[in-house]
Amino acid sequence: MVHMRLAAACLIGMLFTIVLAGQNDDTGLRSVQGVVTEASGKPVAGAVVQLKDTKSLQIRSYVTEADGSYHFAGLSTNVEYELQANKDSVTSGKKTLTVFNTKKAATVNLKLKK
């Protein structure tokens, strides 16, 4: 009888662990930041950085600060994102934040082409 209770307790413990392991939590979030620069390397204030979720195709935008910096938070680690900057019809190349980049705070700098 004692062995059956012990076995049942172990089984319940294992099931509880499996259920908890399958749940999503906030640890699956990350952020990306960077600086937008001209071809010469000078930071660009007022550039629009677009972040595209490649699964949902949803786009978020950020207008760069005076030092050319931008920041997006609350990004899923299970989604790839495309980043591109634009200022006065001049764009940067597209860069991808991949699911293989495991950094919680990734840095992706963007350079405008001229």
PDB file of N, CA and C in Angstrom:
ATOM      1  N   MET A   1       0.825  -1.194   0.000  1.00  0.00           N
ATOM      2  CA  MET A   1       0.000   0.000   0.000  1.00  0.00           C
ATOM      3  C   MET A   1       0.871   1.260   0.000  1.00  0.00           C
ATOM      4  N   VAL A   2       1.930   1.255   0.798  1.00  0.00           N
ATOM      5  CA  VAL A   2       2.832   2.403   0.864  1.00  0.00           C
ATOM      6  C   VAL A   2       3.518   2.607  -0.487  1.00  0.00           C
ATOM      7  N   HIS A   3       3.879   1.502  -1.129  1.00  0.00           N
ATOM      8  CA  HIS A   3       4.543   1.603  -2.434  1.00  0.00           C
ATOM      9  C   HIS A   3       3.611   2.192  -3.488  1.00  0.00           C
ATOM     10  N   MET A   4       2.335   1.852  -3.423  1.00  0.00           N
ATOM     11  CA  MET A   4       1.371   2.380  -4.386  1.00  0.00           C
ATOM     12  C   MET A   4       1.192   3.889  -4.190  1.00  0.00           C
ATOM     13  N   ARG A   5       1.160   4.320  -2.949  1.00  0.00           N
ATOM     14  CA  ARG A   5       1.026   5.762  -2.688  1.00  0.00           C
ATOM     15  C   ARG A   5       2.259   6.506  -3.161  1.00  0.00           C
ATOM     16  N   LEU A   6       3.412   5.932  -2.909  1.00  0.00           N
ATOM     17  CA  LEU A   6       4.661   6.553  -3.348  1.00  0.00           C
ATOM     18  C   LEU A   6       4.718   6.623  -4.877  1.00  0.00           C
ATOM     19  N   ALA A   7       4.326   5.548  -5.538  1.00  0.00           N
ATOM     20  CA  ALA A   7       4.314   5.532  -7.004  1.00  0.00           C
ATOM     21  C   ALA A   7       3.318   6.556  -7.549  1.00  0.00           C
ATOM     22  N   ALA A   8       2.149   6.642  -6.918  1.00  0.00           N
ATOM     23  CA  ALA A   8       1.147   7.623  -7.350  1.00  0.00           C
ATOM     24  C   ALA A   8       1.661   9.041  -7.153  1.00  0.00           C
ATOM     25  N   ALA A   9       2.316   9.304  -6.040  1.00  0.00           N
ATOM     26  CA  ALA A   9       2.869  10.640  -5.778  1.00  0.00           C
ATOM     27  C   ALA A   9       3.941  10.993  -6.811  1.00  0.00           C
ATOM     28  N   CYS A  10       4.788  10.032  -7.160  1.00  0.00           N
ATOM     29  CA  CYS A  10       5.825  10.265  -8.178  1.00  0.00           C
ATOM     30  C   CYS A  10       5.196  10.548  -9.543  1.00  0.00           C
ATOM     31  N   LEU A  11       4.166   9.793  -9.879  1.00  0.00           N
ATOM     32  CA  LEU A  11       3.484   9.988 -11.157  1.00  0.00           C
ATOM     33  C   LEU A  11       2.846  11.370 -11.225  1.00  0.00           C
ATOM     34  N   ILE A  12       2.195  11.790 -10.161  1.00  0.00           N
ATOM     35  CA  ILE A  12       1.579  13.126 -10.116  1.00  0.00           C
ATOM     36  C   ILE A  12       2.650  14.201 -10.237  1.00  0.00           C
ATOM     37  N   GLY A  13       3.776  14.007  -9.567  1.00  0.00           N
ATOM     38  CA  GLY A  13       4.884  14.972  -9.655  1.00  0.00           C
ATOM     39  C   GLY A  13       5.427  15.086 -11.065  1.00  0.00           C
ATOM     40  N   MET A  14       5.574  13.945 -11.754  1.00  0.00           N
ATOM     41  CA  MET A  14       6.074  13.975 -13.127  1.00  0.00           C
ATOM     42  C   MET A  14       5.087  14.655 -14.061  1.00  0.00           C
ATOM     43  N   LEU A  15       3.804  14.374 -13.904  1.00  0.00           N
ATOM     44  CA  LEU A  15       2.792  15.019 -14.737  1.00  0.00           C
ATOM     45  C   LEU A  15       2.771  16.521 -14.508  1.00  0.00           C
ATOM     46  N   PHE A  16       2.893  16.956 -13.265  1.00  0.00           N
ATOM     47  CA  PHE A  16       2.924  18.378 -12.928  1.00  0.00           C
ATOM     48  C   PHE A  16       4.115  19.059 -13.595  1.00  0.00           C
ATOM     49  N   THR A  17       5.269  18.400 -13.576  1.00  0.00           N
ATOM     50  CA  THR A  17       6.473  18.949 -14.211  1.00  0.00           C
ATOM     51  C   THR A  17       6.289  19.074 -15.719  1.00  0.00           C
ATOM     52  N   ILE A  18       5.696  18.070 -16.345  1.00  0.00           N
ATOM     53  CA  ILE A  18       5.463  18.108 -17.795  1.00  0.00           C
ATOM     54  C   ILE A  18       4.508  19.238 -18.169  1.00  0.00           C
ATOM     55  N   VAL A  19       3.452  19.410 -17.394  1.00  0.00           N
ATOM     56  CA  VAL A  19       2.486  20.480 -17.669  1.00  0.00           C
ATOM     57  C   VAL A  19       3.153  21.840 -17.549  1.00  0.00           C
ATOM     58  N   LEU A  20       3.938  22.046 -16.495  1.00  0.00           N
ATOM     59  CA  LEU A  20       4.609  23.336 -16.309  1.00  0.00           C
ATOM     60  C   LEU A  20       5.631  23.601 -17.408  1.00  0.00           C
ATOM     61  N   ALA A  21       6.334  22.582 -17.857  1.00  0.00           N
ATOM     62  CA  ALA A  21       7.335  22.766 -18.907  1.00  0.00           C
ATOM     63  C   ALA A  21       6.696  23.175 -20.224  1.00  0.00           C
ATOM     64  N   GLY A  22       5.456  22.777 -20.459  1.00  0.00           N
ATOM     65  CA  GLY A  22       4.783  23.099 -21.710  1.00  0.00           C
ATOM     66  C   GLY A  22       4.136  24.455 -21.751  1.00  0.00           C
ATOM     67  N   GLN A  23       4.096  25.154 -20.624  1.00  0.00           N
ATOM     68  CA  GLN A  23       3.440  26.466 -20.603  1.00  0.00           C
ATOM     69  C   GLN A  23       4.393  27.551 -21.077  1.00  0.00           C
ATOM     70  N   ASN A  24       3.820  28.569 -21.749  1.00  0.00           N
ATOM     71  CA  ASN A  24       4.608  29.731 -22.164  1.00  0.00           C
ATOM     72  C   ASN A  24       4.690  30.698 -21.006  1.00  0.00           C
ATOM     73  N   ASP A  25       5.804  31.395 -20.907  1.00  0.00           N
ATOM     74  CA  ASP A  25       5.939  32.428 -19.897  1.00  0.00           C
ATOM     75  C   ASP A  25       6.684  33.610 -20.481  1.00  0.00           C
ATOM     76  N   ASP A  26       6.881  34.639 -19.686  1.00  0.00           N
ATOM     77  CA  ASP A  26       7.503  35.868 -20.166  1.00  0.00           C
ATOM     78  C   ASP A  26       8.995  35.734 -20.428  1.00  0.00           C
ATOM     79  N   THR A  27       9.602  34.609 -20.075  1.00  0.00           N
ATOM     80  CA  THR A  27      11.023  34.451 -20.351  1.00  0.00           C
ATOM     81  C   THR A  27      11.271  34.287 -21.847  1.00  0.00           C
ATOM     82  N   GLY A  28      10.222  34.076 -22.643  1.00  0.00           N
ATOM     83  CA  GLY A  28      10.351  33.946 -24.082  1.00  0.00           C
ATOM     84  C   GLY A  28      10.326  35.276 -24.803  1.00  0.00           C
ATOM     85  N   LEU A  29      10.600  36.369 -24.088  1.00  0.00           N
ATOM     86  CA  LEU A  29      10.600  37.698 -24.699  1.00  0.00           C
ATOM     87  C   LEU A  29      12.018  38.227 -24.824  1.00  0.00           C
ATOM     88  N   ARG A  30      12.202  39.077 -25.812  1.00  0.00           N
ATOM     89  CA  ARG A  30      13.503  39.712 -26.033  1.00  0.00           C
ATOM     90  C   ARG A  30      13.292  41.118 -26.554  1.00  0.00           C
ATOM     91  N   SER A  31      14.377  41.840 -26.732  1.00  0.00           N
ATOM     92  CA  SER A  31      14.309  43.193 -27.281  1.00  0.00           C
ATOM     93  C   SER A  31      15.405  43.352 -28.330  1.00  0.00           C
ATOM     94  N   VAL A  32      15.260  44.393 -29.135  1.00  0.00           N
ATOM     95  CA  VAL A  32      16.298  44.726 -30.104  1.00  0.00           C
ATOM     96  C   VAL A  32      16.486  46.233 -30.064  1.00  0.00           C
ATOM     97  N   GLN A  33      17.728  46.634 -30.198  1.00  0.00           N
ATOM     98  CA  GLN A  33      18.070  48.051 -30.207  1.00  0.00           C
ATOM     99  C   GLN A  33      19.209  48.263 -31.187  1.00  0.00           C
ATOM    100  N   GLY A  34      19.450  49.510 -31.498  1.00  0.00           N
ATOM    101  CA  GLY A  34      20.545  49.805 -32.403  1.00  0.00           C
ATOM    102  C   GLY A  34      20.600  51.281 -32.721  1.00  0.00           C
ATOM    103  N   VAL A  35      21.468  51.605 -33.668  1.00  0.00           N
ATOM    104  CA  VAL A  35      21.664  52.986 -34.097  1.00  0.00           C
ATOM    105  C   VAL A  35      21.569  53.028 -35.617  1.00  0.00           C
ATOM    106  N   VAL A  36      20.862  54.033 -36.116  1.00  0.00           N
ATOM    107  CA  VAL A  36      20.769  54.268 -37.555  1.00  0.00           C
ATOM    108  C   VAL A  36      21.808  55.326 -37.903  1.00  0.00           C
ATOM    109  N   THR A  37      22.627  55.029 -38.917  1.00  0.00           N
ATOM    110  CA  THR A  37      23.672  55.969 -39.337  1.00  0.00           C
ATOM    111  C   THR A  37      23.590  56.223 -40.834  1.00  0.00           C
ATOM    112  N   GLU A  38      24.174  57.353 -41.231  1.00  0.00           N
ATOM    113  CA  GLU A  38      24.366  57.637 -42.664  1.00  0.00           C
ATOM    114  C   GLU A  38      25.489  56.741 -43.154  1.00  0.00           C
ATOM    115  N   ALA A  39      25.718  56.732 -44.458  1.00  0.00           N
ATOM    116  CA  ALA A  39      26.812  55.953 -45.035  1.00  0.00           C
ATOM    117  C   ALA A  39      28.154  56.375 -44.442  1.00  0.00           C
ATOM    118  N   SER A  40      28.255  57.656 -44.055  1.00  0.00           N
ATOM    119  CA  SER A  40      29.500  58.176 -43.480  1.00  0.00           C
ATOM    120  C   SER A  40      29.703  57.750 -42.034  1.00  0.00           C
ATOM    121  N   GLY A  41      28.660  57.208 -41.399  1.00  0.00           N
ATOM    122  CA  GLY A  41      28.765  56.799 -40.003  1.00  0.00           C
ATOM    123  C   GLY A  41      28.130  57.762 -39.018  1.00  0.00           C
ATOM    124  N   LYS A  42      27.636  58.907 -39.516  1.00  0.00           N
ATOM    125  CA  LYS A  42      27.000  59.900 -38.653  1.00  0.00           C
ATOM    126  C   LYS A  42      25.606  59.411 -38.243  1.00  0.00           C
ATOM    127  N   PRO A  43      25.262  59.453 -36.934  1.00  0.00           N
ATOM    128  CA  PRO A  43      23.933  59.034 -36.489  1.00  0.00           C
ATOM    129  C   PRO A  43      22.825  59.874 -37.121  1.00  0.00           C
ATOM    130  N   VAL A  44      21.671  59.238 -37.381  1.00  0.00           N
ATOM    131  CA  VAL A  44      20.557  59.900 -38.046  1.00  0.00           C
ATOM    132  C   VAL A  44      19.384  60.042 -37.081  1.00  0.00           C
ATOM    133  N   ALA A  45      19.058  61.279 -36.733  1.00  0.00           N
ATOM    134  CA  ALA A  45      17.877  61.553 -35.903  1.00  0.00           C
ATOM    135  C   ALA A  45      16.651  61.607 -36.800  1.00  0.00           C
ATOM    136  N   GLY A  46      15.517  61.129 -36.299  1.00  0.00           N
ATOM    137  CA  GLY A  46      14.267  61.225 -37.041  1.00  0.00           C
ATOM    138  C   GLY A  46      14.066  60.207 -38.136  1.00  0.00           C
ATOM    139  N   ALA A  47      14.921  59.190 -38.199  1.00  0.00           N
ATOM    140  CA  ALA A  47      14.704  58.119 -39.172  1.00  0.00           C
ATOM    141  C   ALA A  47      13.602  57.206 -38.641  1.00  0.00           C
ATOM    142  N   VAL A  48      12.860  56.596 -39.541  1.00  0.00           N
ATOM    143  CA  VAL A  48      11.811  55.662 -39.138  1.00  0.00           C
ATOM    144  C   VAL A  48      12.355  54.239 -39.290  1.00  0.00           C
ATOM    145  N   VAL A  49      12.377  53.521 -38.173  1.00  0.00           N
ATOM    146  CA  VAL A  49      12.792  52.122 -38.188  1.00  0.00           C
ATOM    147  C   VAL A  49      11.533  51.271 -38.149  1.00  0.00           C
ATOM    148  N   GLN A  50      11.422  50.358 -39.114  1.00  0.00           N
ATOM    149  CA  GLN A  50      10.270  49.456 -39.145  1.00  0.00           C
ATOM    150  C   GLN A  50      10.726  48.060 -38.754  1.00  0.00           C
ATOM    151  N   LEU A  51       9.931  47.440 -37.880  1.00  0.00           N
ATOM    152  CA  LEU A  51      10.169  46.089 -37.405  1.00  0.00           C
ATOM    153  C   LEU A  51       8.997  45.241 -37.886  1.00  0.00           C
ATOM    154  N   LYS A  52       9.283  44.256 -38.741  1.00  0.00           N
ATOM    155  CA  LYS A  52       8.225  43.419 -39.313  1.00  0.00           C
ATOM    156  C   LYS A  52       8.294  42.014 -38.729  1.00  0.00           C
ATOM    157  N   ASP A  53       7.193  41.585 -38.129  1.00  0.00           N
ATOM    158  CA  ASP A  53       7.025  40.217 -37.631  1.00  0.00           C
ATOM    159  C   ASP A  53       6.803  39.343 -38.856  1.00  0.00           C
ATOM    160  N   THR A  54       7.712  38.403 -39.136  1.00  0.00           N
ATOM    161  CA  THR A  54       7.615  37.614 -40.363  1.00  0.00           C
ATOM    162  C   THR A  54       6.523  36.546 -40.307  1.00  0.00           C
ATOM    163  N   LYS A  55       5.969  36.274 -39.118  1.00  0.00           N
ATOM    164  CA  LYS A  55       4.852  35.318 -39.022  1.00  0.00           C
ATOM    165  C   LYS A  55       3.517  36.008 -39.264  1.00  0.00           C
ATOM    166  N   SER A  56       3.271  37.086 -38.537  1.00  0.00           N
ATOM    167  CA  SER A  56       1.968  37.769 -38.635  1.00  0.00           C
ATOM    168  C   SER A  56       1.977  38.903 -39.656  1.00  0.00           C
ATOM    169  N   LEU A  57       3.159  39.305 -40.113  1.00  0.00           N
ATOM    170  CA  LEU A  57       3.369  40.422 -41.038  1.00  0.00           C
ATOM    171  C   LEU A  57       3.008  41.776 -40.406  1.00  0.00           C
ATOM    172  N   GLN A  58       2.848  41.790 -39.101  1.00  0.00           N
ATOM    173  CA  GLN A  58       2.561  43.030 -38.378  1.00  0.00           C
ATOM    174  C   GLN A  58       3.836  43.890 -38.355  1.00  0.00           C
ATOM    175  N   ILE A  59       3.652  45.209 -38.521  1.00  0.00           N
ATOM    176  CA  ILE A  59       4.784  46.132 -38.553  1.00  0.00           C
ATOM    177  C   ILE A  59       4.672  47.125 -37.412  1.00  0.00           C
ATOM    178  N   ARG A  60       5.790  47.306 -36.701  1.00  0.00           N
ATOM    179  CA  ARG A  60       5.891  48.327 -35.661  1.00  0.00           C
ATOM    180  C   ARG A  60       6.924  49.340 -36.125  1.00  0.00           C
ATOM    181  N   SER A  61       6.740  50.602 -35.729  1.00  0.00           N
ATOM    182  CA  SER A  61       7.657  51.672 -36.146  1.00  0.00           C
ATOM    183  C   SER A  61       8.207  52.405 -34.943  1.00  0.00           C
ATOM    184  N   TYR A  62       9.410  52.959 -35.112  1.00  0.00           N
ATOM    185  CA  TYR A  62      10.059  53.755 -34.084  1.00  0.00           C
ATOM    186  C   TYR A  62      10.806  54.881 -34.779  1.00  0.00           C
ATOM    187  N   VAL A  63      10.636  56.104 -34.306  1.00  0.00           N
ATOM    188  CA  VAL A  63      11.386  57.247 -34.849  1.00  0.00           C
ATOM    189  C   VAL A  63      12.640  57.409 -33.990  1.00  0.00           C
ATOM    190  N   THR A  64      13.807  57.410 -34.640  1.00  0.00           N
ATOM    191  CA  THR A  64      15.063  57.432 -33.893  1.00  0.00           C
ATOM    192  C   THR A  64      15.240  58.723 -33.094  1.00  0.00           C
ATOM    193  N   GLU A  65      15.972  58.572 -32.001  1.00  0.00           N
ATOM    194  CA  GLU A  65      16.294  59.689 -31.105  1.00  0.00           C
ATOM    195  C   GLU A  65      17.366  60.574 -31.748  1.00  0.00           C
ATOM    196  N   ALA A  66      17.751  61.627 -31.054  1.00  0.00           N
ATOM    197  CA  ALA A  66      18.765  62.564 -31.563  1.00  0.00           C
ATOM    198  C   ALA A  66      20.103  61.876 -31.848  1.00  0.00           C
ATOM    199  N   ASP A  67      20.390  60.818 -31.085  1.00  0.00           N
ATOM    200  CA  ASP A  67      21.654  60.090 -31.288  1.00  0.00           C
ATOM    201  C   ASP A  67      21.518  58.933 -32.280  1.00  0.00           C
ATOM    202  N   GLY A  68      20.372  58.850 -32.974  1.00  0.00           N
ATOM    203  CA  GLY A  68      20.147  57.814 -33.973  1.00  0.00           C
ATOM    204  C   GLY A  68      19.691  56.482 -33.406  1.00  0.00           C
ATOM    205  N   SER A  69      19.461  56.409 -32.090  1.00  0.00           N
ATOM    206  CA  SER A  69      19.121  55.129 -31.467  1.00  0.00           C
ATOM    207  C   SER A  69      17.635  54.803 -31.577  1.00  0.00           C
ATOM    208  N   TYR A  70      17.349  53.509 -31.527  1.00  0.00           N
ATOM    209  CA  TYR A  70      15.973  53.000 -31.517  1.00  0.00           C
ATOM    210  C   TYR A  70      15.920  51.789 -30.593  1.00  0.00           C
ATOM    211  N   HIS A  71      14.705  51.386 -30.221  1.00  0.00           N
ATOM    212  CA  HIS A  71      14.531  50.253 -29.310  1.00  0.00           C
ATOM    213  C   HIS A  71      13.134  49.659 -29.459  1.00  0.00           C
ATOM    214  N   PHE A  72      13.051  48.346 -29.571  1.00  0.00           N
ATOM    215  CA  PHE A  72      11.780  47.619 -29.565  1.00  0.00           C
ATOM    216  C   PHE A  72      11.867  46.561 -28.469  1.00  0.00           C
ATOM    217  N   ALA A  73      10.826  46.466 -27.637  1.00  0.00           N
ATOM    218  CA  ALA A  73      10.795  45.490 -26.545  1.00  0.00           C
ATOM    219  C   ALA A  73       9.583  44.579 -26.691  1.00  0.00           C
ATOM    220  N   GLY A  74       9.559  43.521 -25.884  1.00  0.00           N
ATOM    221  CA  GLY A  74       8.422  42.602 -25.871  1.00  0.00           C
ATOM    222  C   GLY A  74       8.333  41.727 -27.100  1.00  0.00           C
ATOM    223  N   LEU A  75       9.470  41.377 -27.684  1.00  0.00           N
ATOM    224  CA  LEU A  75       9.495  40.569 -28.900  1.00  0.00           C
ATOM    225  C   LEU A  75       9.604  39.090 -28.563  1.00  0.00           C
ATOM    226  N   SER A  76       8.896  38.272 -29.300  1.00  0.00           N
ATOM    227  CA  SER A  76       8.929  36.830 -29.080  1.00  0.00           C
ATOM    228  C   SER A  76      10.262  36.243 -29.533  1.00  0.00           C
ATOM    229  N   THR A  77      10.739  35.247 -28.792  1.00  0.00           N
ATOM    230  CA  THR A  77      11.955  34.541 -29.195  1.00  0.00           C
ATOM    231  C   THR A  77      11.659  33.508 -30.284  1.00  0.00           C
ATOM    232  N   ASN A  78      10.375  33.241 -30.541  1.00  0.00           N
ATOM    233  CA  ASN A  78       9.975  32.232 -31.526  1.00  0.00           C
ATOM    234  C   ASN A  78       9.610  32.822 -32.879  1.00  0.00           C
ATOM    235  N   VAL A  79       9.902  34.098 -33.075  1.00  0.00           N
ATOM    236  CA  VAL A  79       9.540  34.786 -34.312  1.00  0.00           C
ATOM    237  C   VAL A  79      10.773  35.483 -34.866  1.00  0.00           C
ATOM    238  N   GLU A  80      10.910  35.468 -36.186  1.00  0.00           N
ATOM    239  CA  GLU A  80      11.967  36.247 -36.835  1.00  0.00           C
ATOM    240  C   GLU A  80      11.399  37.607 -37.201  1.00  0.00           C
ATOM    241  N   TYR A  81      12.233  38.627 -37.119  1.00  0.00           N
ATOM    242  CA  TYR A  81      11.832  40.005 -37.397  1.00  0.00           C
ATOM    243  C   TYR A  81      12.763  40.601 -38.442  1.00  0.00           C
ATOM    244  N   GLU A  82      12.179  41.376 -39.368  1.00  0.00           N
ATOM    245  CA  GLU A  82      12.969  42.134 -40.338  1.00  0.00           C
ATOM    246  C   GLU A  82      13.002  43.586 -39.897  1.00  0.00           C
ATOM    247  N   LEU A  83      14.173  44.193 -39.972  1.00  0.00           N
ATOM    248  CA  LEU A  83      14.351  45.598 -39.600  1.00  0.00           C
ATOM    249  C   LEU A  83      14.850  46.378 -40.805  1.00  0.00           C
ATOM    250  N   GLN A  84      14.318  47.582 -40.967  1.00  0.00           N
ATOM    251  CA  GLN A  84      14.764  48.467 -42.033  1.00  0.00           C
ATOM    252  C   GLN A  84      14.524  49.907 -41.599  1.00  0.00           C
ATOM    253  N   ALA A  85      15.442  50.791 -41.964  1.00  0.00           N
ATOM    254  CA  ALA A  85      15.315  52.209 -41.632  1.00  0.00           C
ATOM    255  C   ALA A  85      15.091  53.025 -42.900  1.00  0.00           C
ATOM    256  N   ASN A  86      14.436  54.189 -42.725  1.00  0.00           N
ATOM    257  CA  ASN A  86      14.124  55.067 -43.844  1.00  0.00           C
ATOM    258  C   ASN A  86      14.169  56.507 -43.353  1.00  0.00           C
ATOM    259  N   LYS A  87      14.797  57.373 -44.135  1.00  0.00           N
ATOM    260  CA  LYS A  87      14.799  58.808 -43.842  1.00  0.00           C
ATOM    261  C   LYS A  87      14.909  59.548 -45.158  1.00  0.00           C
ATOM    262  N   ASP A  88      13.909  60.400 -45.453  1.00  0.00           N
ATOM    263  CA  ASP A  88      13.908  61.208 -46.676  1.00  0.00           C
ATOM    264  C   ASP A  88      14.135  60.362 -47.926  1.00  0.00           C
ATOM    265  N   SER A  89      13.405  59.264 -48.044  1.00  0.00           N
ATOM    266  CA  SER A  89      13.452  58.346 -49.192  1.00  0.00           C
ATOM    267  C   SER A  89      14.762  57.581 -49.331  1.00  0.00           C
ATOM    268  N   VAL A  90      15.622  57.650 -48.339  1.00  0.00           N
ATOM    269  CA  VAL A  90      16.850  56.862 -48.332  1.00  0.00           C
ATOM    270  C   VAL A  90      16.638  55.732 -47.332  1.00  0.00           C
ATOM    271  N   THR A  91      16.905  54.499 -47.767  1.00  0.00           N
ATOM    272  CA  THR A  91      16.654  53.352 -46.893  1.00  0.00           C
ATOM    273  C   THR A  91      17.941  52.591 -46.590  1.00  0.00           C
ATOM    274  N   SER A  92      17.853  51.812 -45.535  1.00  0.00           N
ATOM    275  CA  SER A  92      18.943  50.892 -45.214  1.00  0.00           C
ATOM    276  C   SER A  92      18.617  49.545 -45.854  1.00  0.00           C
ATOM    277  N   GLY A  93      19.555  48.670 -45.836  1.00  0.00           N
ATOM    278  CA  GLY A  93      19.258  47.303 -46.236  1.00  0.00           C
ATOM    279  C   GLY A  93      18.423  46.648 -45.137  1.00  0.00           C
ATOM    280  N   LYS A  94      17.714  45.580 -45.497  1.00  0.00           N
ATOM    281  CA  LYS A  94      16.946  44.846 -44.495  1.00  0.00           C
ATOM    282  C   LYS A  94      17.887  43.939 -43.716  1.00  0.00           C
ATOM    283  N   LYS A  95      17.675  43.904 -42.408  1.00  0.00           N
ATOM    284  CA  LYS A  95      18.416  42.985 -41.557  1.00  0.00           C
ATOM    285  C   LYS A  95      17.405  42.137 -40.802  1.00  0.00           C
ATOM    286  N   THR A  96      17.774  40.900 -40.528  1.00  0.00           N
ATOM    287  CA  THR A  96      16.872  39.966 -39.864  1.00  0.00           C
ATOM    288  C   THR A  96      17.371  39.614 -38.475  1.00  0.00           C
ATOM    289  N   LEU A  97      16.463  39.707 -37.515  1.00  0.00           N
ATOM    290  CA  LEU A  97      16.711  39.207 -36.168  1.00  0.00           C
ATOM    291  C   LEU A  97      16.137  37.800 -36.158  1.00  0.00           C
ATOM    292  N   THR A  98      17.004  36.795 -36.167  1.00  0.00           N
ATOM    293  CA  THR A  98      16.560  35.413 -36.320  1.00  0.00           C
ATOM    294  C   THR A  98      16.243  34.761 -34.978  1.00  0.00           C
ATOM    295  N   VAL A  99      15.548  33.644 -35.052  1.00  0.00           N
ATOM    296  CA  VAL A  99      15.263  32.868 -33.849  1.00  0.00           C
ATOM    297  C   VAL A  99      16.538  32.233 -33.297  1.00  0.00           C
ATOM    298  N   PHE A 100      17.588  32.178 -34.102  1.00  0.00           N
ATOM    299  CA  PHE A 100      18.859  31.610 -33.655  1.00  0.00           C
ATOM    300  C   PHE A 100      19.674  32.594 -32.819  1.00  0.00           C
ATOM    301  N   ASN A 101      19.304  33.873 -32.864  1.00  0.00           N
ATOM    302  CA  ASN A 101      19.948  34.874 -32.012  1.00  0.00           C
ATOM    303  C   ASN A 101      19.298  34.753 -30.632  1.00  0.00           C
ATOM    304  N   THR A 102      20.014  34.173 -29.695  1.00  0.00           N
ATOM    305  CA  THR A 102      19.445  33.872 -28.380  1.00  0.00           C
ATOM    306  C   THR A 102      19.640  34.988 -27.364  1.00  0.00           C
ATOM    307  N   LYS A 103      20.209  36.106 -27.782  1.00  0.00           N
ATOM    308  CA  LYS A 103      20.400  37.221 -26.852  1.00  0.00           C
ATOM    309  C   LYS A 103      19.044  37.806 -26.460  1.00  0.00           C
ATOM    310  N   LYS A 104      18.875  38.094 -25.183  1.00  0.00           N
ATOM    311  CA  LYS A 104      17.633  38.716 -24.700  1.00  0.00           C
ATOM    312  C   LYS A 104      17.567  40.177 -25.138  1.00  0.00           C
ATOM    313  N   ALA A 105      18.734  40.810 -25.324  1.00  0.00           N
ATOM    314  CA  ALA A 105      18.800  42.197 -25.803  1.00  0.00           C
ATOM    315  C   ALA A 105      19.776  42.229 -26.982  1.00  0.00           C
ATOM    316  N   ALA A 106      19.248  42.063 -28.173  1.00  0.00           N
ATOM    317  CA  ALA A 106      20.076  42.033 -29.378  1.00  0.00           C
ATOM    318  C   ALA A 106      20.340  43.450 -29.875  1.00  0.00           C
ATOM    319  N   THR A 107      21.457  43.624 -30.568  1.00  0.00           N
ATOM    320  CA  THR A 107      21.794  44.908 -31.176  1.00  0.00           C
ATOM    321  C   THR A 107      21.881  44.731 -32.682  1.00  0.00           C
ATOM    322  N   VAL A 108      21.104  45.543 -33.396  1.00  0.00           N
ATOM    323  CA  VAL A 108      21.126  45.531 -34.868  1.00  0.00           C
ATOM    324  C   VAL A 108      21.248  46.979 -35.325  1.00  0.00           C
ATOM    325  N   ASN A 109      22.430  47.349 -35.815  1.00  0.00           N
ATOM    326  CA  ASN A 109      22.647  48.702 -36.323  1.00  0.00           C
ATOM    327  C   ASN A 109      22.291  48.745 -37.811  1.00  0.00           C
ATOM    328  N   LEU A 110      21.725  49.857 -38.243  1.00  0.00           N
ATOM    329  CA  LEU A 110      21.283  50.010 -39.623  1.00  0.00           C
ATOM    330  C   LEU A 110      21.980  51.205 -40.267  1.00  0.00           C
ATOM    331  N   LYS A 111      22.472  51.012 -41.488  1.00  0.00           N
ATOM    332  CA  LYS A 111      23.165  52.079 -42.206  1.00  0.00           C
ATOM    333  C   LYS A 111      22.360  52.457 -43.442  1.00  0.00           C
ATOM    334  N   LEU A 112      22.051  53.754 -43.577  1.00  0.00           N
ATOM    335  CA  LEU A 112      21.329  54.240 -44.751  1.00  0.00           C
ATOM    336  C   LEU A 112      22.246  54.223 -45.957  1.00  0.00           C
ATOM    337  N   LYS A 113      21.696  53.802 -47.109  1.00  0.00           N
ATOM    338  CA  LYS A 113      22.450  53.766 -48.357  1.00  0.00           C
ATOM    339  C   LYS A 113      22.304  55.096 -49.058  1.00  0.00           C
ATOM    340  N   LYS A 114      23.340  55.519 -49.715  1.00  0.00           N
ATOM    341  CA  LYS A 114      23.242  56.766 -50.467  1.00  0.00           C
ATOM    342  C   LYS A 114      23.800  56.608 -51.830  1.00  0.00           C
TER     343      LYS A 114
END
